């Protein structure tokens, strides 16, 4: 009998904690990005062919905290009704901001 009461108490506590950890304003959102003052080198040319059902995600320069490091492109599974926009750097005032690759609805 005592074990059953303890199990119920643990279940109630777990549910309460889960509700507290996920609760928050709807506008709260984590945006991870990087902005640096060092311009990236020009993108490298990657020669690729065609693969049925795949899309080429081009390579990009990644900032490692001390300098830019090239990350080679890769094939990813195509998504019907979408196009892939590759990762890259965009100048924002005197700084450069990195944008991750993502799918865009057609």
N, C-alpha and C. Protein backbone atom coordinates (compact mmCIF):
# COMPACT_ATOMS: atom_id res chain seq x y z
N UNK A 1 0.82 -1.19 0.00
CA UNK A 1 0.00 0.00 0.00
C UNK A 1 0.87 1.26 0.00
N UNK A 2 1.89 1.27 0.82
CA UNK A 2 2.77 2.43 0.91
C UNK A 2 3.53 2.64 -0.41
N UNK A 3 3.93 1.56 -1.09
CA UNK A 3 4.64 1.64 -2.36
C UNK A 3 3.75 2.28 -3.43
N UNK A 4 2.47 1.96 -3.43
CA UNK A 4 1.54 2.52 -4.40
C UNK A 4 1.40 4.03 -4.19
N UNK A 5 1.35 4.47 -2.96
CA UNK A 5 1.24 5.91 -2.65
C UNK A 5 2.50 6.63 -3.11
N UNK A 6 3.65 6.03 -2.87
CA UNK A 6 4.91 6.64 -3.30
C UNK A 6 4.98 6.73 -4.82
N UNK A 7 4.53 5.71 -5.52
CA UNK A 7 4.53 5.72 -6.98
C UNK A 7 3.62 6.82 -7.51
N UNK A 8 2.46 6.99 -6.92
CA UNK A 8 1.54 8.06 -7.33
C UNK A 8 2.16 9.43 -7.10
N UNK A 9 2.81 9.61 -5.96
CA UNK A 9 3.44 10.89 -5.65
C UNK A 9 4.54 11.21 -6.66
N UNK A 10 5.33 10.20 -7.01
CA UNK A 10 6.39 10.40 -8.01
C UNK A 10 5.80 10.76 -9.37
N UNK A 11 4.73 10.11 -9.74
CA UNK A 11 4.08 10.38 -11.02
C UNK A 11 3.55 11.81 -11.06
N UNK A 12 2.90 12.24 -9.99
CA UNK A 12 2.37 13.61 -9.92
C UNK A 12 3.51 14.62 -9.98
N UNK A 13 4.60 14.35 -9.28
CA UNK A 13 5.75 15.26 -9.30
C UNK A 13 6.37 15.33 -10.69
N UNK A 14 6.48 14.20 -11.36
CA UNK A 14 7.06 14.18 -12.71
C UNK A 14 6.19 14.97 -13.69
N UNK A 15 4.89 14.81 -13.59
CA UNK A 15 3.98 15.55 -14.47
C UNK A 15 4.07 17.04 -14.19
N UNK A 16 4.13 17.42 -12.93
CA UNK A 16 4.24 18.83 -12.57
C UNK A 16 5.54 19.43 -13.09
N UNK A 17 6.64 18.70 -12.94
CA UNK A 17 7.94 19.20 -13.43
C UNK A 17 7.95 19.32 -14.94
N UNK A 18 7.35 18.37 -15.62
CA UNK A 18 7.29 18.42 -17.08
C UNK A 18 6.50 19.64 -17.54
N UNK A 19 5.43 19.95 -16.85
CA UNK A 19 4.63 21.12 -17.20
C UNK A 19 5.39 22.41 -16.98
N UNK A 20 6.19 22.46 -15.93
CA UNK A 20 6.96 23.66 -15.64
C UNK A 20 8.08 23.88 -16.65
N UNK A 21 8.71 22.81 -17.08
CA UNK A 21 9.85 22.96 -17.99
C UNK A 21 9.43 23.32 -19.40
N UNK A 22 8.22 22.98 -19.81
CA UNK A 22 7.79 23.29 -21.17
C UNK A 22 6.94 24.55 -21.24
N UNK A 23 6.50 25.04 -20.09
CA UNK A 23 5.66 26.23 -20.10
C UNK A 23 6.51 27.45 -20.40
N UNK A 24 5.94 28.40 -21.09
CA UNK A 24 6.64 29.64 -21.40
C UNK A 24 5.84 30.43 -22.41
N UNK A 25 6.17 31.69 -22.58
CA UNK A 25 5.42 32.50 -23.54
C UNK A 25 5.59 31.97 -24.96
N UNK A 26 4.56 32.11 -25.75
CA UNK A 26 4.58 31.60 -27.12
C UNK A 26 5.63 32.31 -27.97
N UNK A 27 5.99 33.52 -27.59
CA UNK A 27 6.95 34.26 -28.38
C UNK A 27 8.40 33.93 -28.03
N UNK A 28 8.61 33.16 -26.97
CA UNK A 28 9.98 32.81 -26.60
C UNK A 28 10.55 31.84 -27.62
N UNK A 29 11.71 32.16 -28.14
CA UNK A 29 12.32 31.34 -29.17
C UNK A 29 13.83 31.51 -29.11
N UNK A 30 14.55 30.42 -29.23
CA UNK A 30 16.00 30.48 -29.24
C UNK A 30 16.46 30.57 -30.68
N UNK A 31 17.24 31.60 -30.97
CA UNK A 31 17.79 31.76 -32.30
C UNK A 31 19.30 31.70 -32.15
N UNK A 32 19.87 30.63 -32.66
CA UNK A 32 21.32 30.48 -32.58
C UNK A 32 21.92 30.97 -33.88
N UNK A 33 22.79 31.92 -33.77
CA UNK A 33 23.45 32.43 -34.95
C UNK A 33 24.80 33.01 -34.57
N UNK A 34 25.52 33.41 -35.57
CA UNK A 34 26.83 33.98 -35.30
C UNK A 34 27.00 35.21 -36.17
N UNK A 35 27.61 36.22 -35.62
CA UNK A 35 27.90 37.44 -36.34
C UNK A 35 29.35 37.79 -36.05
N UNK A 36 30.14 37.97 -37.09
CA UNK A 36 31.57 38.26 -36.91
C UNK A 36 31.97 39.43 -37.79
N UNK A 37 33.13 39.99 -37.52
CA UNK A 37 33.62 41.12 -38.30
C UNK A 37 34.58 40.69 -39.41
N UNK A 38 34.90 39.40 -39.47
CA UNK A 38 35.86 38.90 -40.47
C UNK A 38 35.11 38.33 -41.67
N UNK A 39 35.37 38.87 -42.83
CA UNK A 39 34.69 38.40 -44.04
C UNK A 39 35.14 36.99 -44.40
N UNK A 40 34.20 36.14 -44.83
CA UNK A 40 34.59 34.78 -45.24
C UNK A 40 35.27 34.82 -46.60
N UNK A 41 36.12 33.82 -46.88
CA UNK A 41 36.71 33.73 -48.23
C UNK A 41 35.62 33.43 -49.25
N UNK A 42 35.90 33.59 -50.54
CA UNK A 42 34.90 33.24 -51.55
C UNK A 42 34.59 31.74 -51.49
N UNK A 43 33.36 31.36 -51.81
CA UNK A 43 33.01 29.93 -51.80
C UNK A 43 33.89 29.15 -52.77
N UNK A 44 34.18 27.91 -52.43
CA UNK A 44 34.94 27.03 -53.32
C UNK A 44 34.01 26.46 -54.38
N UNK A 45 34.56 26.18 -55.53
CA UNK A 45 33.78 25.59 -56.61
C UNK A 45 33.76 24.08 -56.40
N UNK A 46 32.56 23.51 -56.38
CA UNK A 46 32.40 22.07 -56.23
C UNK A 46 31.70 21.53 -57.47
N UNK A 47 32.34 20.60 -58.15
CA UNK A 47 31.76 20.02 -59.35
C UNK A 47 30.97 18.78 -58.96
N UNK A 48 29.68 18.81 -59.27
CA UNK A 48 28.81 17.69 -58.91
C UNK A 48 27.99 17.28 -60.12
N UNK A 49 27.50 16.07 -60.08
CA UNK A 49 26.65 15.58 -61.16
C UNK A 49 25.19 15.71 -60.75
N UNK A 50 24.39 14.77 -61.23
CA UNK A 50 22.97 14.75 -60.92
C UNK A 50 22.65 13.42 -60.26
N UNK A 51 21.84 13.45 -59.23
CA UNK A 51 21.37 12.24 -58.57
C UNK A 51 19.86 12.32 -58.47
N UNK A 52 19.20 11.30 -58.95
CA UNK A 52 17.74 11.27 -58.90
C UNK A 52 17.28 11.21 -57.45
N UNK A 53 16.34 12.09 -57.09
CA UNK A 53 15.79 12.10 -55.74
C UNK A 53 16.67 12.77 -54.71
N UNK A 54 17.76 13.40 -55.15
CA UNK A 54 18.69 14.07 -54.24
C UNK A 54 18.90 15.52 -54.68
N UNK A 55 19.29 16.36 -53.74
CA UNK A 55 19.61 17.76 -54.00
C UNK A 55 21.00 18.02 -53.43
N UNK A 56 21.79 18.79 -54.13
CA UNK A 56 23.12 19.12 -53.64
C UNK A 56 23.05 20.29 -52.68
N UNK A 57 23.50 20.10 -51.46
CA UNK A 57 23.62 21.17 -50.47
C UNK A 57 25.06 21.67 -50.58
N UNK A 58 25.28 22.85 -51.15
CA UNK A 58 26.64 23.31 -51.39
C UNK A 58 27.43 23.52 -50.11
N UNK A 59 28.75 23.48 -50.24
CA UNK A 59 29.63 23.70 -49.10
C UNK A 59 29.58 25.17 -48.65
N UNK A 60 30.15 25.42 -47.49
CA UNK A 60 30.16 26.77 -46.93
C UNK A 60 31.35 26.92 -45.99
N UNK A 61 31.68 28.16 -45.65
CA UNK A 61 32.74 28.44 -44.69
C UNK A 61 32.14 28.51 -43.30
N UNK A 62 32.66 27.69 -42.39
CA UNK A 62 32.21 27.68 -40.99
C UNK A 62 33.24 28.44 -40.16
N UNK A 63 32.78 29.25 -39.23
CA UNK A 63 33.67 29.98 -38.32
C UNK A 63 33.94 29.09 -37.11
N UNK A 64 35.21 28.82 -36.81
CA UNK A 64 35.55 27.96 -35.68
C UNK A 64 36.04 28.73 -34.46
N UNK A 65 35.90 30.03 -34.47
CA UNK A 65 36.33 30.86 -33.35
C UNK A 65 37.66 31.54 -33.61
N UNK A 66 38.43 31.00 -34.53
CA UNK A 66 39.73 31.59 -34.85
C UNK A 66 39.87 31.90 -36.34
N UNK A 67 39.07 31.25 -37.16
CA UNK A 67 39.14 31.45 -38.60
C UNK A 67 38.07 30.64 -39.31
N UNK A 68 38.01 30.80 -40.61
CA UNK A 68 37.03 30.08 -41.40
C UNK A 68 37.58 28.71 -41.82
N UNK A 69 36.71 27.71 -41.76
CA UNK A 69 37.05 26.35 -42.14
C UNK A 69 36.02 25.88 -43.17
N UNK A 70 36.48 25.31 -44.28
CA UNK A 70 35.57 24.88 -45.33
C UNK A 70 34.85 23.59 -44.93
N UNK A 71 33.53 23.59 -45.11
CA UNK A 71 32.71 22.40 -44.91
C UNK A 71 32.19 22.02 -46.29
N UNK A 72 32.59 20.86 -46.77
CA UNK A 72 32.21 20.43 -48.12
C UNK A 72 30.73 20.17 -48.27
N UNK A 73 30.24 20.30 -49.48
CA UNK A 73 28.83 20.07 -49.77
C UNK A 73 28.47 18.59 -49.64
N UNK A 74 27.17 18.31 -49.70
CA UNK A 74 26.71 16.93 -49.57
C UNK A 74 25.37 16.77 -50.26
N UNK A 75 25.04 15.53 -50.59
CA UNK A 75 23.74 15.21 -51.18
C UNK A 75 22.73 15.02 -50.06
N UNK A 76 21.54 15.60 -50.23
CA UNK A 76 20.47 15.40 -49.26
C UNK A 76 19.21 14.95 -50.02
N UNK A 77 18.34 14.28 -49.34
CA UNK A 77 17.11 13.78 -49.96
C UNK A 77 16.22 14.96 -50.35
N UNK A 78 15.75 14.95 -51.59
CA UNK A 78 14.89 16.02 -52.09
C UNK A 78 13.53 16.01 -51.40
N UNK A 79 12.95 17.19 -51.25
CA UNK A 79 11.61 17.31 -50.68
C UNK A 79 10.69 17.89 -51.76
N UNK A 80 9.72 17.12 -52.23
CA UNK A 80 8.82 17.62 -53.26
C UNK A 80 8.10 18.89 -52.79
N UNK A 81 8.04 19.89 -53.67
CA UNK A 81 7.37 21.15 -53.34
C UNK A 81 8.27 22.14 -52.62
N UNK A 82 9.56 21.83 -52.48
CA UNK A 82 10.51 22.71 -51.80
C UNK A 82 11.77 22.84 -52.63
N UNK A 83 12.51 23.91 -52.40
CA UNK A 83 13.85 24.07 -52.95
C UNK A 83 14.78 24.31 -51.77
N UNK A 84 16.03 23.91 -51.94
CA UNK A 84 16.99 24.05 -50.86
C UNK A 84 17.78 25.34 -51.03
N UNK A 85 17.86 26.13 -49.97
CA UNK A 85 18.65 27.34 -49.95
C UNK A 85 19.88 27.05 -49.08
N UNK A 86 21.05 27.07 -49.69
CA UNK A 86 22.27 26.68 -49.00
C UNK A 86 22.71 27.65 -47.92
N UNK A 87 23.54 27.15 -47.03
CA UNK A 87 24.10 27.95 -45.95
C UNK A 87 25.09 28.97 -46.52
N UNK A 88 25.27 30.07 -45.81
CA UNK A 88 26.22 31.07 -46.27
C UNK A 88 26.23 32.29 -45.37
N UNK A 89 27.08 33.22 -45.72
CA UNK A 89 27.28 34.45 -44.95
C UNK A 89 26.63 35.63 -45.67
N UNK A 90 26.04 36.53 -44.89
CA UNK A 90 25.41 37.74 -45.41
C UNK A 90 25.99 38.93 -44.65
N UNK A 91 26.33 39.97 -45.38
CA UNK A 91 26.87 41.16 -44.73
C UNK A 91 25.73 41.95 -44.11
N UNK A 92 25.89 42.29 -42.82
CA UNK A 92 24.91 43.10 -42.10
C UNK A 92 25.69 44.24 -41.46
N UNK A 93 25.67 45.41 -42.10
CA UNK A 93 26.48 46.53 -41.62
C UNK A 93 27.95 46.17 -41.71
N UNK A 94 28.71 46.39 -40.62
CA UNK A 94 30.14 46.06 -40.66
C UNK A 94 30.45 44.59 -40.35
N UNK A 95 29.43 43.81 -40.05
CA UNK A 95 29.63 42.42 -39.65
C UNK A 95 29.10 41.45 -40.71
N UNK A 96 29.44 40.19 -40.51
CA UNK A 96 28.97 39.10 -41.36
C UNK A 96 28.14 38.17 -40.50
N UNK A 97 26.95 37.80 -40.98
CA UNK A 97 26.05 36.91 -40.24
C UNK A 97 25.87 35.61 -41.01
N UNK A 98 25.97 34.50 -40.30
CA UNK A 98 25.83 33.19 -40.91
C UNK A 98 24.38 32.75 -40.91
N UNK A 99 23.91 32.24 -42.05
CA UNK A 99 22.55 31.69 -42.17
C UNK A 99 22.67 30.23 -42.55
N UNK A 100 22.04 29.37 -41.76
CA UNK A 100 22.08 27.93 -42.03
C UNK A 100 21.25 27.59 -43.25
N UNK A 101 21.59 26.48 -43.90
CA UNK A 101 20.82 26.01 -45.04
C UNK A 101 19.42 25.59 -44.59
N UNK A 102 18.44 25.80 -45.47
CA UNK A 102 17.07 25.47 -45.10
C UNK A 102 16.23 25.23 -46.36
N UNK A 103 15.06 24.63 -46.14
CA UNK A 103 14.12 24.37 -47.23
C UNK A 103 13.15 25.53 -47.36
N UNK A 104 12.84 25.89 -48.61
CA UNK A 104 11.89 26.97 -48.91
C UNK A 104 10.76 26.39 -49.74
N UNK A 105 9.52 26.61 -49.30
CA UNK A 105 8.36 26.11 -50.04
C UNK A 105 8.22 26.85 -51.36
N UNK A 106 7.94 26.10 -52.42
CA UNK A 106 7.77 26.71 -53.76
C UNK A 106 6.41 27.34 -53.90
